[in-house]
């Protein structure tokens, strides 16, 4: 009698799990502003899914480019949405992915010459 093998139905939540987030607000600062620089604000539950904490650097991948930005947790942001400041190549109503930079993997030999 031949047994059927059941497929593995567990969720594979790892570094490759990056659901898209809708940009609901975008702010572009000017030279004299007190607070400047790339910033992402998102809800705490969204940050926990991505295994990132408040104040860390994250990759923000938009439809045209990818940039590093600082993450701030803000519970007033609705789930599935983000607030962005000074990130080029992104506009309101577009989708972005926010993920942790992979600093744990060793570089391959091709990067050294």
PDB file of N, CA and C in Angstrom:
ATOM      1  N   UNK A   1       0.841  -1.171   0.000  1.00  0.00           N
ATOM      2  CA  UNK A   1       0.000   0.000   0.000  1.00  0.00           C
ATOM      3  C   UNK A   1       0.888   1.237   0.000  1.00  0.00           C
ATOM      4  N   UNK A   2       0.643   2.108  -0.932  1.00  0.00           N
ATOM      5  CA  UNK A   2       1.447   3.314  -1.066  1.00  0.00           C
ATOM      6  C   UNK A   2       0.797   4.454  -0.283  1.00  0.00           C
ATOM      7  N   UNK A   3       1.612   5.143   0.527  1.00  0.00           N
ATOM      8  CA  UNK A   3       1.087   6.253   1.327  1.00  0.00           C
ATOM      9  C   UNK A   3       1.257   7.569   0.588  1.00  0.00           C
ATOM     10  N   UNK A   4       0.278   8.436   0.737  1.00  0.00           N
ATOM     11  CA  UNK A   4       0.366   9.775   0.158  1.00  0.00           C
ATOM     12  C   UNK A   4       1.106  10.692   1.112  1.00  0.00           C
ATOM     13  N   UNK A   5       1.981  11.497   0.585  1.00  0.00           N
ATOM     14  CA  UNK A   5       2.706  12.470   1.409  1.00  0.00           C
ATOM     15  C   UNK A   5       1.938  13.781   1.411  1.00  0.00           C
ATOM     16  N   UNK A   6       1.634  14.246   2.596  1.00  0.00           N
ATOM     17  CA  UNK A   6       0.935  15.527   2.717  1.00  0.00           C
ATOM     18  C   UNK A   6       1.925  16.665   2.491  1.00  0.00           C
ATOM     19  N   UNK A   7       1.466  17.682   1.803  1.00  0.00           N
ATOM     20  CA  UNK A   7       2.334  18.835   1.568  1.00  0.00           C
ATOM     21  C   UNK A   7       2.447  19.657   2.844  1.00  0.00           C
ATOM     22  N   UNK A   8       3.556  20.354   2.981  1.00  0.00           N
ATOM     23  CA  UNK A   8       3.803  21.183   4.160  1.00  0.00           C
ATOM     24  C   UNK A   8       3.003  22.478   4.020  1.00  0.00           C
ATOM     25  N   UNK A   9       2.025  22.682   4.900  1.00  0.00           N
ATOM     26  CA  UNK A   9       1.145  23.841   4.789  1.00  0.00           C
ATOM     27  C   UNK A   9       1.486  24.929   5.808  1.00  0.00           C
ATOM     28  N   UNK A  10       2.593  24.799   6.519  1.00  0.00           N
ATOM     29  CA  UNK A  10       2.977  25.822   7.489  1.00  0.00           C
ATOM     30  C   UNK A  10       3.352  27.112   6.782  1.00  0.00           C
ATOM     31  N   UNK A  11       3.062  28.211   7.429  1.00  0.00           N
ATOM     32  CA  UNK A  11       3.475  29.498   6.884  1.00  0.00           C
ATOM     33  C   UNK A  11       4.976  29.630   6.972  1.00  0.00           C
ATOM     34  N   UNK A  12       5.578  30.072   5.928  1.00  0.00           N
ATOM     35  CA  UNK A  12       7.020  30.263   5.918  1.00  0.00           C
ATOM     36  C   UNK A  12       7.306  31.748   6.053  1.00  0.00           C
ATOM     37  N   UNK A  13       7.235  32.219   7.279  1.00  0.00           N
ATOM     38  CA  UNK A  13       7.501  33.627   7.546  1.00  0.00           C
ATOM     39  C   UNK A  13       8.977  33.780   7.856  1.00  0.00           C
ATOM     40  N   UNK A  14       9.685  34.359   6.969  1.00  0.00           N
ATOM     41  CA  UNK A  14      11.112  34.569   7.170  1.00  0.00           C
ATOM     42  C   UNK A  14      11.510  35.902   6.586  1.00  0.00           C
ATOM     43  N   UNK A  15      12.750  36.002   6.187  1.00  0.00           N
ATOM     44  CA  UNK A  15      13.239  37.259   5.647  1.00  0.00           C
ATOM     45  C   UNK A  15      12.634  37.564   4.285  1.00  0.00           C
ATOM     46  N   UNK A  16      12.048  36.557   3.614  1.00  0.00           N
ATOM     47  CA  UNK A  16      11.458  36.796   2.302  1.00  0.00           C
ATOM     48  C   UNK A  16       9.992  37.220   2.373  1.00  0.00           C
ATOM     49  N   UNK A  17       9.402  37.253   3.549  1.00  0.00           N
ATOM     50  CA  UNK A  17       8.003  37.645   3.688  1.00  0.00           C
ATOM     51  C   UNK A  17       7.930  39.166   3.772  1.00  0.00           C
ATOM     52  N   UNK A  18       7.529  39.800   2.670  1.00  0.00           N
ATOM     53  CA  UNK A  18       7.475  41.258   2.616  1.00  0.00           C
ATOM     54  C   UNK A  18       6.184  41.715   1.963  1.00  0.00           C
ATOM     55  N   UNK A  19       5.082  41.755   2.702  1.00  0.00           N
ATOM     56  CA  UNK A  19       3.851  42.254   2.093  1.00  0.00           C
ATOM     57  C   UNK A  19       3.969  43.742   1.780  1.00  0.00           C
ATOM     58  N   UNK A  20       3.286  44.165   0.750  1.00  0.00           N
ATOM     59  CA  UNK A  20       3.359  45.556   0.330  1.00  0.00           C
ATOM     60  C   UNK A  20       2.531  46.450   1.244  1.00  0.00           C
ATOM     61  N   UNK A  21       2.975  47.701   1.355  1.00  0.00           N
ATOM     62  CA  UNK A  21       2.299  48.705   2.169  1.00  0.00           C
ATOM     63  C   UNK A  21       1.941  49.889   1.287  1.00  0.00           C
ATOM     64  N   UNK A  22       0.778  50.462   1.516  1.00  0.00           N
ATOM     65  CA  UNK A  22       0.304  51.604   0.750  1.00  0.00           C
ATOM     66  C   UNK A  22       0.822  52.900   1.384  1.00  0.00           C
ATOM     67  N   UNK A  23       1.382  53.793   0.577  1.00  0.00           N
ATOM     68  CA  UNK A  23       1.867  55.084   1.068  1.00  0.00           C
ATOM     69  C   UNK A  23       0.671  56.018   1.205  1.00  0.00           C
ATOM     70  N   UNK A  24       0.367  56.441   2.440  1.00  0.00           N
ATOM     71  CA  UNK A  24      -0.777  57.331   2.644  1.00  0.00           C
ATOM     72  C   UNK A  24      -0.369  58.786   2.825  1.00  0.00           C
ATOM     73  N   UNK A  25       0.898  59.016   3.151  1.00  0.00           N
ATOM     74  CA  UNK A  25       1.363  60.392   3.300  1.00  0.00           C
ATOM     75  C   UNK A  25       2.849  60.441   2.964  1.00  0.00           C
ATOM     76  N   UNK A  26       3.248  61.496   2.264  1.00  0.00           N
ATOM     77  CA  UNK A  26       4.637  61.704   1.894  1.00  0.00           C
ATOM     78  C   UNK A  26       4.998  63.155   2.176  1.00  0.00           C
ATOM     79  N   UNK A  27       6.122  63.370   2.850  1.00  0.00           N
ATOM     80  CA  UNK A  27       6.585  64.715   3.175  1.00  0.00           C
ATOM     81  C   UNK A  27       7.979  64.891   2.606  1.00  0.00           C
ATOM     82  N   UNK A  28       8.177  65.994   1.918  1.00  0.00           N
ATOM     83  CA  UNK A  28       9.489  66.348   1.403  1.00  0.00           C
ATOM     84  C   UNK A  28       9.963  67.580   2.164  1.00  0.00           C
ATOM     85  N   UNK A  29      11.100  67.477   2.835  1.00  0.00           N
ATOM     86  CA  UNK A  29      11.578  68.591   3.652  1.00  0.00           C
ATOM     87  C   UNK A  29      12.455  69.530   2.834  1.00  0.00           C
ATOM     88  N   UNK A  30      12.667  70.713   3.401  1.00  0.00           N
ATOM     89  CA  UNK A  30      13.523  71.712   2.772  1.00  0.00           C
ATOM     90  C   UNK A  30      14.781  71.899   3.590  1.00  0.00           C
ATOM     91  N   UNK A  31      15.700  72.676   3.082  1.00  0.00           N
ATOM     92  CA  UNK A  31      17.015  72.833   3.691  1.00  0.00           C
ATOM     93  C   UNK A  31      16.955  73.351   5.125  1.00  0.00           C
ATOM     94  N   UNK A  32      16.088  74.248   5.475  1.00  0.00           N
ATOM     95  CA  UNK A  32      16.057  74.846   6.805  1.00  0.00           C
ATOM     96  C   UNK A  32      15.205  74.107   7.827  1.00  0.00           C
ATOM     97  N   UNK A  33      14.577  73.003   7.464  1.00  0.00           N
ATOM     98  CA  UNK A  33      13.699  72.280   8.387  1.00  0.00           C
ATOM     99  C   UNK A  33      14.499  71.647   9.529  1.00  0.00           C
ATOM    100  N   UNK A  34      13.861  71.586  10.695  1.00  0.00           N
ATOM    101  CA  UNK A  34      14.528  71.034  11.877  1.00  0.00           C
ATOM    102  C   UNK A  34      14.769  69.528  11.746  1.00  0.00           C
ATOM    103  N   UNK A  35      13.773  68.792  11.297  1.00  0.00           N
ATOM    104  CA  UNK A  35      13.911  67.341  11.132  1.00  0.00           C
ATOM    105  C   UNK A  35      13.952  67.017   9.655  1.00  0.00           C
ATOM    106  N   UNK A  36      15.040  66.368   9.236  1.00  0.00           N
ATOM    107  CA  UNK A  36      15.229  66.013   7.834  1.00  0.00           C
ATOM    108  C   UNK A  36      15.751  64.594   7.723  1.00  0.00           C
ATOM    109  N   UNK A  37      15.727  64.074   6.515  1.00  0.00           N
ATOM    110  CA  UNK A  37      16.295  62.761   6.250  1.00  0.00           C
ATOM    111  C   UNK A  37      15.233  61.705   6.002  1.00  0.00           C
ATOM    112  N   UNK A  38      15.640  60.582   5.417  1.00  0.00           N
ATOM    113  CA  UNK A  38      14.700  59.504   5.100  1.00  0.00           C
ATOM    114  C   UNK A  38      14.099  58.890   6.365  1.00  0.00           C
ATOM    115  N   UNK A  39      12.786  58.786   6.379  1.00  0.00           N
ATOM    116  CA  UNK A  39      12.076  58.262   7.549  1.00  0.00           C
ATOM    117  C   UNK A  39      10.863  57.476   7.085  1.00  0.00           C
ATOM    118  N   UNK A  40      10.595  56.378   7.777  1.00  0.00           N
ATOM    119  CA  UNK A  40       9.393  55.566   7.559  1.00  0.00           C
ATOM    120  C   UNK A  40       8.675  55.477   8.887  1.00  0.00           C
ATOM    121  N   UNK A  41       7.386  55.773   8.885  1.00  0.00           N
ATOM    122  CA  UNK A  41       6.568  55.557  10.079  1.00  0.00           C
ATOM    123  C   UNK A  41       5.525  54.504   9.737  1.00  0.00           C
ATOM    124  N   UNK A  42       5.430  53.499  10.610  1.00  0.00           N
ATOM    125  CA  UNK A  42       4.441  52.434  10.407  1.00  0.00           C
ATOM    126  C   UNK A  42       3.923  51.944  11.751  1.00  0.00           C
ATOM    127  N   UNK A  43       2.862  51.222  11.722  1.00  0.00           N
ATOM    128  CA  UNK A  43       2.239  50.655  12.920  1.00  0.00           C
ATOM    129  C   UNK A  43       3.132  49.562  13.510  1.00  0.00           C
ATOM    130  N   UNK A  44       3.083  49.378  14.807  1.00  0.00           N
ATOM    131  CA  UNK A  44       3.900  48.388  15.497  1.00  0.00           C
ATOM    132  C   UNK A  44       3.630  46.965  15.052  1.00  0.00           C
ATOM    133  N   UNK A  45       2.371  46.636  14.764  1.00  0.00           N
ATOM    134  CA  UNK A  45       2.046  45.278  14.330  1.00  0.00           C
ATOM    135  C   UNK A  45       2.667  44.967  12.970  1.00  0.00           C
ATOM    136  N   UNK A  46       2.729  45.947  12.085  1.00  0.00           N
ATOM    137  CA  UNK A  46       3.364  45.757  10.782  1.00  0.00           C
ATOM    138  C   UNK A  46       4.869  45.568  10.940  1.00  0.00           C
ATOM    139  N   UNK A  47       5.472  46.285  11.868  1.00  0.00           N
ATOM    140  CA  UNK A  47       6.914  46.164  12.109  1.00  0.00           C
ATOM    141  C   UNK A  47       7.247  44.793  12.698  1.00  0.00           C
ATOM    142  N   UNK A  48       6.399  44.280  13.578  1.00  0.00           N
ATOM    143  CA  UNK A  48       6.642  42.962  14.171  1.00  0.00           C
ATOM    144  C   UNK A  48       6.589  41.855  13.125  1.00  0.00           C
ATOM    145  N   UNK A  49       5.702  41.975  12.146  1.00  0.00           N
ATOM    146  CA  UNK A  49       5.624  40.985  11.068  1.00  0.00           C
ATOM    147  C   UNK A  49       6.947  40.921  10.321  1.00  0.00           C
ATOM    148  N   UNK A  50       7.568  42.075  10.144  1.00  0.00           N
ATOM    149  CA  UNK A  50       8.821  42.171   9.395  1.00  0.00           C
ATOM    150  C   UNK A  50      10.064  42.017  10.266  1.00  0.00           C
ATOM    151  N   UNK A  51       9.877  41.766  11.560  1.00  0.00           N
ATOM    152  CA  UNK A  51      10.964  41.568  12.518  1.00  0.00           C
ATOM    153  C   UNK A  51      11.891  42.777  12.616  1.00  0.00           C
ATOM    154  N   UNK A  52      11.303  43.975  12.617  1.00  0.00           N
ATOM    155  CA  UNK A  52      12.103  45.192  12.743  1.00  0.00           C
ATOM    156  C   UNK A  52      11.615  45.991  13.942  1.00  0.00           C
ATOM    157  N   UNK A  53      12.525  46.760  14.535  1.00  0.00           N
ATOM    158  CA  UNK A  53      12.226  47.521  15.742  1.00  0.00           C
ATOM    159  C   UNK A  53      12.321  49.011  15.480  1.00  0.00           C
ATOM    160  N   UNK A  54      11.805  49.775  16.409  1.00  0.00           N
ATOM    161  CA  UNK A  54      11.831  51.228  16.332  1.00  0.00           C
ATOM    162  C   UNK A  54      13.271  51.740  16.315  1.00  0.00           C
ATOM    163  N   UNK A  55      13.573  52.658  15.404  1.00  0.00           N
ATOM    164  CA  UNK A  55      14.889  53.272  15.345  1.00  0.00           C
ATOM    165  C   UNK A  55      15.904  52.561  14.475  1.00  0.00           C
ATOM    166  N   UNK A  56      15.552  51.438  13.863  1.00  0.00           N
ATOM    167  CA  UNK A  56      16.510  50.704  13.029  1.00  0.00           C
ATOM    168  C   UNK A  56      16.462  51.204  11.587  1.00  0.00           C
ATOM    169  N   UNK A  57      17.511  50.900  10.843  1.00  0.00           N
ATOM    170  CA  UNK A  57      17.540  51.200   9.414  1.00  0.00           C
ATOM    171  C   UNK A  57      16.826  50.096   8.655  1.00  0.00           C
ATOM    172  N   UNK A  58      16.011  50.486   7.676  1.00  0.00           N
ATOM    173  CA  UNK A  58      15.260  49.526   6.873  1.00  0.00           C
ATOM    174  C   UNK A  58      15.398  49.880   5.400  1.00  0.00           C
ATOM    175  N   UNK A  59      15.220  48.874   4.543  1.00  0.00           N
ATOM    176  CA  UNK A  59      15.155  49.106   3.113  1.00  0.00           C
ATOM    177  C   UNK A  59      13.722  49.448   2.742  1.00  0.00           C
ATOM    178  N   UNK A  60      13.534  50.514   1.987  1.00  0.00           N
ATOM    179  CA  UNK A  60      12.236  50.875   1.439  1.00  0.00           C
ATOM    180  C   UNK A  60      12.341  50.691  -0.067  1.00  0.00           C
ATOM    181  N   UNK A  61      11.633  49.694  -0.591  1.00  0.00           N
ATOM    182  CA  UNK A  61      11.685  49.376  -2.020  1.00  0.00           C
ATOM    183  C   UNK A  61      10.399  49.839  -2.670  1.00  0.00           C
ATOM    184  N   UNK A  62      10.530  50.825  -3.530  1.00  0.00           N
ATOM    185  CA  UNK A  62       9.391  51.347  -4.263  1.00  0.00           C
ATOM    186  C   UNK A  62       9.373  50.833  -5.683  1.00  0.00           C
ATOM    187  N   UNK A  63       8.501  51.379  -6.511  1.00  0.00           N
ATOM    188  CA  UNK A  63       8.407  50.912  -7.896  1.00  0.00           C
ATOM    189  C   UNK A  63       9.607  51.310  -8.750  1.00  0.00           C
ATOM    190  N   UNK A  64      10.352  52.340  -8.340  1.00  0.00           N
ATOM    191  CA  UNK A  64      11.461  52.819  -9.157  1.00  0.00           C
ATOM    192  C   UNK A  64      12.834  52.652  -8.543  1.00  0.00           C
ATOM    193  N   UNK A  65      12.943  52.598  -7.226  1.00  0.00           N
ATOM    194  CA  UNK A  65      14.258  52.470  -6.597  1.00  0.00           C
ATOM    195  C   UNK A  65      14.137  51.969  -5.169  1.00  0.00           C
ATOM    196  N   UNK A  66      15.284  51.791  -4.530  1.00  0.00           N
ATOM    197  CA  UNK A  66      15.354  51.253  -3.170  1.00  0.00           C
ATOM    198  C   UNK A  66      16.263  52.171  -2.354  1.00  0.00           C
ATOM    199  N   UNK A  67      15.829  52.516  -1.117  1.00  0.00           N
ATOM    200  CA  UNK A  67      16.613  53.404  -0.261  1.00  0.00           C
ATOM    201  C   UNK A  67      16.589  52.939   1.177  1.00  0.00           C
ATOM    202  N   UNK A  68      17.631  53.307   1.920  1.00  0.00           N
ATOM    203  CA  UNK A  68      17.671  53.071   3.359  1.00  0.00           C
ATOM    204  C   UNK A  68      16.990  54.222   4.075  1.00  0.00           C
ATOM    205  N   UNK A  69      16.257  53.906   5.136  1.00  0.00           N
ATOM    206  CA  UNK A  69      15.573  54.928   5.922  1.00  0.00           C
ATOM    207  C   UNK A  69      15.476  54.472   7.371  1.00  0.00           C
ATOM    208  N   UNK A  70      15.237  55.410   8.252  1.00  0.00           N
ATOM    209  CA  UNK A  70      15.048  55.102   9.672  1.00  0.00           C
ATOM    210  C   UNK A  70      13.579  54.770   9.917  1.00  0.00           C
ATOM    211  N   UNK A  71      13.324  53.803  10.783  1.00  0.00           N
ATOM    212  CA  UNK A  71      11.954  53.384  11.095  1.00  0.00           C
ATOM    213  C   UNK A  71      11.501  53.976  12.419  1.00  0.00           C
ATOM    214  N   UNK A  72      10.312  54.505  12.432  1.00  0.00           N
ATOM    215  CA  UNK A  72       9.665  54.974  13.660  1.00  0.00           C
ATOM    216  C   UNK A  72       8.309  54.290  13.772  1.00  0.00           C
ATOM    217  N   UNK A  73       8.016  53.785  14.958  1.00  0.00           N
ATOM    218  CA  UNK A  73       6.717  53.158  15.219  1.00  0.00           C
ATOM    219  C   UNK A  73       5.714  54.247  15.566  1.00  0.00           C
ATOM    220  N   UNK A  74       4.553  54.208  14.902  1.00  0.00           N
ATOM    221  CA  UNK A  74       3.490  55.195  15.126  1.00  0.00           C
ATOM    222  C   UNK A  74       2.160  54.458  15.059  1.00  0.00           C
ATOM    223  N   UNK A  75       1.505  54.327  16.199  1.00  0.00           N
ATOM    224  CA  UNK A  75       0.243  53.567  16.259  1.00  0.00           C
ATOM    225  C   UNK A  75      -0.934  54.298  15.615  1.00  0.00           C
ATOM    226  N   UNK A  76      -0.770  55.558  15.229  1.00  0.00           N
ATOM    227  CA  UNK A  76      -1.855  56.281  14.564  1.00  0.00           C
ATOM    228  C   UNK A  76      -1.939  55.952  13.072  1.00  0.00           C
ATOM    229  N   UNK A  77      -0.932  55.299  12.531  1.00  0.00           N
ATOM    230  CA  UNK A  77      -0.937  54.892  11.119  1.00  0.00           C
ATOM    231  C   UNK A  77      -1.799  53.629  10.994  1.00  0.00           C
ATOM    232  N   UNK A  78      -2.733  53.588  10.042  1.00  0.00           N
ATOM    233  CA  UNK A  78      -3.562  52.383   9.881  1.00  0.00           C
ATOM    234  C   UNK A  78      -2.739  51.188   9.394  1.00  0.00           C
ATOM    235  N   UNK A  79      -3.218  49.987   9.670  1.00  0.00           N
ATOM    236  CA  UNK A  79      -2.533  48.773   9.221  1.00  0.00           C
ATOM    237  C   UNK A  79      -2.505  48.720   7.699  1.00  0.00           C
ATOM    238  N   UNK A  80      -1.372  48.261   7.175  1.00  0.00           N
ATOM    239  CA  UNK A  80      -1.221  48.150   5.731  1.00  0.00           C
ATOM    240  C   UNK A  80      -0.786  49.435   5.058  1.00  0.00           C
ATOM    241  N   UNK A  81      -0.476  50.463   5.850  1.00  0.00           N
ATOM    242  CA  UNK A  81      -0.089  51.760   5.308  1.00  0.00           C
ATOM    243  C   UNK A  81       1.200  52.251   5.957  1.00  0.00           C
ATOM    244  N   UNK A  82       1.887  53.197   5.287  1.00  0.00           N
ATOM    245  CA  UNK A  82       3.099  53.810   5.819  1.00  0.00           C
ATOM    246  C   UNK A  82       3.093  55.304   5.541  1.00  0.00           C
ATOM    247  N   UNK A  83       3.860  56.019   6.343  1.00  0.00           N
ATOM    248  CA  UNK A  83       4.147  57.435   6.147  1.00  0.00           C
ATOM    249  C   UNK A  83       5.610  57.523   5.755  1.00  0.00           C
ATOM    250  N   UNK A  84       5.942  58.272   4.710  1.00  0.00           N
ATOM    251  CA  UNK A  84       7.318  58.396   4.254  1.00  0.00           C
ATOM    252  C   UNK A  84       7.765  59.853   4.249  1.00  0.00           C
ATOM    253  N   UNK A  85       9.045  60.056   4.546  1.00  0.00           N
ATOM    254  CA  UNK A  85       9.632  61.398   4.479  1.00  0.00           C
ATOM    255  C   UNK A  85      10.963  61.303   3.740  1.00  0.00           C
ATOM    256  N   UNK A  86      11.156  62.158   2.757  1.00  0.00           N
ATOM    257  CA  UNK A  86      12.413  62.305   2.013  1.00  0.00           C
ATOM    258  C   UNK A  86      12.920  61.001   1.392  1.00  0.00           C
ATOM    259  N   UNK A  87      12.037  60.241   0.793  1.00  0.00           N
ATOM    260  CA  UNK A  87      12.445  59.026   0.082  1.00  0.00           C
ATOM    261  C   UNK A  87      12.124  59.250  -1.392  1.00  0.00           C
ATOM    262  N   UNK A  88      13.169  59.256  -2.210  1.00  0.00           N
ATOM    263  CA  UNK A  88      13.008  59.550  -3.636  1.00  0.00           C
ATOM    264  C   UNK A  88      12.375  58.379  -4.373  1.00  0.00           C
ATOM    265  N   UNK A  89      11.628  58.712  -5.428  1.00  0.00           N
ATOM    266  CA  UNK A  89      11.057  57.689  -6.291  1.00  0.00           C
ATOM    267  C   UNK A  89       9.753  57.106  -5.809  1.00  0.00           C
ATOM    268  N   UNK A  90       9.108  57.730  -4.818  1.00  0.00           N
ATOM    269  CA  UNK A  90       7.841  57.213  -4.283  1.00  0.00           C
ATOM    270  C   UNK A  90       6.845  58.368  -4.189  1.00  0.00           C
ATOM    271  N   UNK A  91       5.604  58.102  -4.534  1.00  0.00           N
ATOM    272  CA  UNK A  91       4.544  59.096  -4.370  1.00  0.00           C
ATOM    273  C   UNK A  91       3.394  58.483  -3.576  1.00  0.00           C
ATOM    274  N   UNK A  92       2.452  59.321  -3.200  1.00  0.00           N
ATOM    275  CA  UNK A  92       1.286  58.864  -2.439  1.00  0.00           C
ATOM    276  C   UNK A  92       0.474  57.913  -3.314  1.00  0.00           C
ATOM    277  N   UNK A  93      -0.149  56.934  -2.711  1.00  0.00           N
ATOM    278  CA  UNK A  93      -0.981  55.871  -3.293  1.00  0.00           C
ATOM    279  C   UNK A  93      -0.175  54.781  -3.986  1.00  0.00           C
ATOM    280  N   UNK A  94       1.143  54.817  -3.953  1.00  0.00           N
ATOM    281  CA  UNK A  94       1.928  53.718  -4.482  1.00  0.00           C
ATOM    282  C   UNK A  94       2.183  52.701  -3.380  1.00  0.00           C
ATOM    283  N   UNK A  95       2.619  51.526  -3.783  1.00  0.00           N
ATOM    284  CA  UNK A  95       2.931  50.471  -2.827  1.00  0.00           C
ATOM    285  C   UNK A  95       4.437  50.319  -2.688  1.00  0.00           C
ATOM    286  N   UNK A  96       4.885  50.110  -1.453  1.00  0.00           N
ATOM    287  CA  UNK A  96       6.300  49.888  -1.166  1.00  0.00           C
ATOM    288  C   UNK A  96       6.416  48.656  -0.281  1.00  0.00           C
ATOM    289  N   UNK A  97       7.623  48.090  -0.225  1.00  0.00           N
ATOM    290  CA  UNK A  97       7.911  47.041   0.735  1.00  0.00           C
ATOM    291  C   UNK A  97       8.979  47.567   1.684  1.00  0.00           C
ATOM    292  N   UNK A  98       8.836  47.233   2.936  1.00  0.00           N
ATOM    293  CA  UNK A  98       9.790  47.645   3.961  1.00  0.00           C
ATOM    294  C   UNK A  98      10.384  46.375   4.545  1.00  0.00           C
ATOM    295  N   UNK A  99      11.716  46.284   4.542  1.00  0.00           N
ATOM    296  CA  UNK A  99      12.371  45.086   5.045  1.00  0.00           C
ATOM    297  C   UNK A  99      13.664  45.435   5.747  1.00  0.00           C
ATOM    298  N   UNK A 100      14.131  44.502   6.523  1.00  0.00           N
ATOM    299  CA  UNK A 100      15.377  44.627   7.263  1.00  0.00           C
ATOM    300  C   UNK A 100      16.545  44.350   6.337  1.00  0.00           C
ATOM    301  N   UNK A 101      17.626  45.128   6.413  1.00  0.00           N
ATOM    302  CA  UNK A 101      18.805  44.786   5.604  1.00  0.00           C
ATOM    303  C   UNK A 101      19.417  43.477   6.088  1.00  0.00           C
ATOM    304  N   UNK A 102      19.901  42.671   5.156  1.00  0.00           N
ATOM    305  CA  UNK A 102      20.502  41.385   5.505  1.00  0.00           C
ATOM    306  C   UNK A 102      21.982  41.598   5.801  1.00  0.00           C
ATOM    307  N   UNK A 103      22.310  41.767   7.066  1.00  0.00           N
ATOM    308  CA  UNK A 103      23.704  41.962   7.474  1.00  0.00           C
ATOM    309  C   UNK A 103      24.310  40.684   8.042  1.00  0.00           C
ATOM    310  N   UNK A 104      23.518  39.623   8.127  1.00  0.00           N
ATOM    311  CA  UNK A 104      23.991  38.376   8.719  1.00  0.00           C
ATOM    312  C   UNK A 104      24.665  37.448   7.708  1.00  0.00           C
ATOM    313  N   UNK A 105      24.274  37.549   6.449  1.00  0.00           N
ATOM    314  CA  UNK A 105      24.833  36.654   5.435  1.00  0.00           C
ATOM    315  C   UNK A 105      26.243  37.100   5.058  1.00  0.00           C
ATOM    316  N   UNK A 106      27.165  36.155   4.940  1.00  0.00           N
ATOM    317  CA  UNK A 106      28.520  36.524   4.530  1.00  0.00           C
ATOM    318  C   UNK A 106      28.539  36.928   3.060  1.00  0.00           C
ATOM    319  N   UNK A 107      29.453  37.819   2.716  1.00  0.00           N
ATOM    320  CA  UNK A 107      29.600  38.229   1.331  1.00  0.00           C
ATOM    321  C   UNK A 107      30.287  37.124   0.553  1.00  0.00           C
ATOM    322  N   UNK A 108      29.925  37.005  -0.702  1.00  0.00           N
ATOM    323  CA  UNK A 108      30.580  35.991  -1.530  1.00  0.00           C
ATOM    324  C   UNK A 108      31.961  36.490  -1.948  1.00  0.00           C
ATOM    325  N   UNK A 109      32.774  35.609  -2.477  1.00  0.00           N
ATOM    326  CA  UNK A 109      34.136  35.956  -2.864  1.00  0.00           C
ATOM    327  C   UNK A 109      34.214  36.963  -3.974  1.00  0.00           C
ATOM    328  N   UNK A 110      33.155  37.124  -4.769  1.00  0.00           N
ATOM    329  CA  UNK A 110      33.201  38.033  -5.906  1.00  0.00           C
ATOM    330  C   UNK A 110      33.221  39.492  -5.467  1.00  0.00           C
ATOM    331  N   UNK A 111      32.887  39.787  -4.233  1.00  0.00           N
ATOM    332  CA  UNK A 111      32.893  41.171  -3.747  1.00  0.00           C
ATOM    333  C   UNK A 111      34.273  41.647  -3.336  1.00  0.00           C
ATOM    334  N   UNK A 112      35.240  40.761  -3.298  1.00  0.00           N
ATOM    335  CA  UNK A 112      36.549  41.130  -2.798  1.00  0.00           C
ATOM    336  C   UNK A 112      37.614  41.206  -3.882  1.00  0.00           C
ATOM    337  N   UNK A 113      37.234  41.399  -5.098  1.00  0.00           N
ATOM    338  CA  UNK A 113      38.258  41.627  -6.066  1.00  0.00           C
ATOM    339  C   UNK A 113      38.186  40.856  -7.284  1.00  0.00           C
TER     340      UNK A 113
END
